[in-house]
Amino acid sequence: MPKTTQLRTYTVRDGLLDEWVERWREEIVPLRLELGFAIGGAWVDRESNQFIWLISYEGPETFAERNALYWSSPERKAMGLNPDDYLVHTDDRTVEGVY
């Protein structure tokens, strides 16, 4: 499968941005990497209370198939992390590099 990259922008509930970033770093990133995803960077926009990151997958499955594996994995379920507790809005866009 060709490489798929998503630009994800999350609007985080007031007062929870730093906690979200910590949980993302410590729990989500290691599992994503273990499952073959690559993280292209992550940023916070404190003025807008947003968390922005790039995630890619290039492997034998589609991004959607691999993402479904992530969500159904026992490790993901064991996190006890419900994104709705932190995020009020998400915008996921599939993007292509041009440079």
Protein backbone atom coordinates (compact mmCIF):
# COMPACT_ATOMS: atom_id res chain seq x y z
CA MET A 1 0.00 0.00 0.00
CA PRO A 2 1.22 3.55 -0.62
CA LYS A 3 2.06 5.78 2.30
CA THR A 4 -0.92 7.57 3.81
CA THR A 5 -0.46 10.63 6.01
CA GLN A 6 -3.09 12.33 8.10
CA LEU A 7 -2.94 15.82 9.56
CA ARG A 8 -4.99 15.70 12.73
CA THR A 9 -6.19 18.77 14.58
CA TYR A 10 -7.88 18.29 17.92
CA THR A 11 -9.61 21.00 19.92
CA VAL A 12 -9.06 20.08 23.56
CA ARG A 13 -11.35 20.83 26.50
CA ASP A 14 -10.33 23.88 28.53
CA GLY A 15 -7.66 23.10 31.10
CA LEU A 16 -6.82 19.64 29.71
CA LEU A 17 -4.30 20.41 26.95
CA ASP A 18 -1.18 19.54 28.94
CA GLU A 19 -2.77 16.38 30.36
CA TRP A 20 -3.82 15.32 26.86
CA VAL A 21 -0.29 15.87 25.50
CA GLU A 22 1.21 13.83 28.33
CA ARG A 23 -1.16 10.91 27.79
CA TRP A 24 -0.66 11.11 24.01
CA ARG A 25 3.13 10.99 24.45
CA GLU A 26 3.21 8.26 27.07
CA GLU A 27 0.38 5.98 25.93
CA ILE A 28 -0.73 6.62 22.37
CA VAL A 29 2.60 7.21 20.64
CA PRO A 30 4.33 4.00 21.82
CA LEU A 31 1.43 1.83 20.67
CA ARG A 32 1.11 3.65 17.34
CA LEU A 33 4.84 3.13 16.70
CA GLU A 34 4.63 -0.52 17.75
CA LEU A 35 1.86 -1.02 15.18
CA GLY A 36 3.93 0.47 12.36
CA PHE A 37 2.70 4.05 12.28
CA ALA A 38 5.13 6.97 12.03
CA ILE A 39 4.64 10.27 13.82
CA GLY A 40 5.77 13.23 11.70
CA GLY A 41 5.52 15.79 14.48
CA ALA A 42 3.16 17.25 17.03
CA TRP A 43 2.41 20.81 18.08
CA VAL A 44 0.15 22.73 20.44
CA ASP A 45 -1.63 25.97 19.67
CA ARG A 46 -2.33 27.21 23.18
CA GLU A 47 -4.27 30.24 21.97
CA SER A 48 -6.82 27.97 20.27
CA ASN A 49 -6.48 25.11 22.77
CA GLN A 50 -5.54 22.79 19.90
CA PHE A 51 -3.26 19.81 19.48
CA ILE A 52 -1.99 19.17 15.93
CA TRP A 53 -0.08 16.12 14.74
CA LEU A 54 0.97 14.15 11.67
CA ILE A 55 0.57 10.39 11.55
CA SER A 56 1.54 8.13 8.65
CA TYR A 57 1.31 4.48 7.74
CA GLU A 58 2.97 2.63 4.89
CA GLY A 59 2.60 -1.12 4.96
CA PRO A 60 0.73 -4.13 3.67
CA GLU A 61 -2.66 -2.86 4.90
CA THR A 62 -4.51 0.37 4.27
CA PHE A 63 -4.31 3.16 6.81
CA ALA A 64 -7.95 2.48 7.73
CA GLU A 65 -7.30 -1.23 8.30
CA ARG A 66 -4.25 -0.55 10.45
CA ASN A 67 -6.10 2.16 12.35
CA ALA A 68 -8.91 -0.31 13.09
CA LEU A 69 -6.29 -2.72 14.45
CA TYR A 70 -5.00 0.03 16.75
CA TRP A 71 -8.47 0.77 18.12
CA SER A 72 -9.36 -2.91 18.63
CA SER A 73 -6.05 -3.88 20.25
CA PRO A 74 -6.04 -5.04 23.88
CA GLU A 75 -3.30 -2.47 24.60
CA ARG A 76 -5.52 0.39 23.40
CA LYS A 77 -8.47 -0.87 25.42
CA ALA A 78 -6.26 -1.20 28.52
CA MET A 79 -5.39 2.52 28.37
CA GLY A 80 -8.82 3.45 29.67
CA LEU A 81 -8.48 6.60 27.58
CA ASN A 82 -11.69 7.93 26.08
CA PRO A 83 -10.88 10.74 23.63
CA ASP A 84 -14.29 12.30 24.31
CA ASP A 85 -13.11 13.08 27.86
CA TYR A 86 -10.47 15.39 26.35
CA LEU A 87 -11.50 16.40 22.86
CA VAL A 88 -14.40 18.63 21.84
CA HIS A 89 -13.66 18.52 18.10
CA THR A 90 -11.41 16.57 15.74
CA ASP A 91 -10.45 17.27 12.16
CA ASP A 92 -8.56 14.48 10.37
CA ARG A 93 -7.32 15.23 6.86
CA THR A 94 -5.46 12.92 4.55
CA VAL A 95 -2.64 14.94 2.99
CA GLU A 96 0.08 14.41 0.37
CA GLY A 97 3.58 15.76 0.55
CA VAL A 98 4.64 17.98 -2.34
CA TYR A 99 8.14 18.83 -1.14
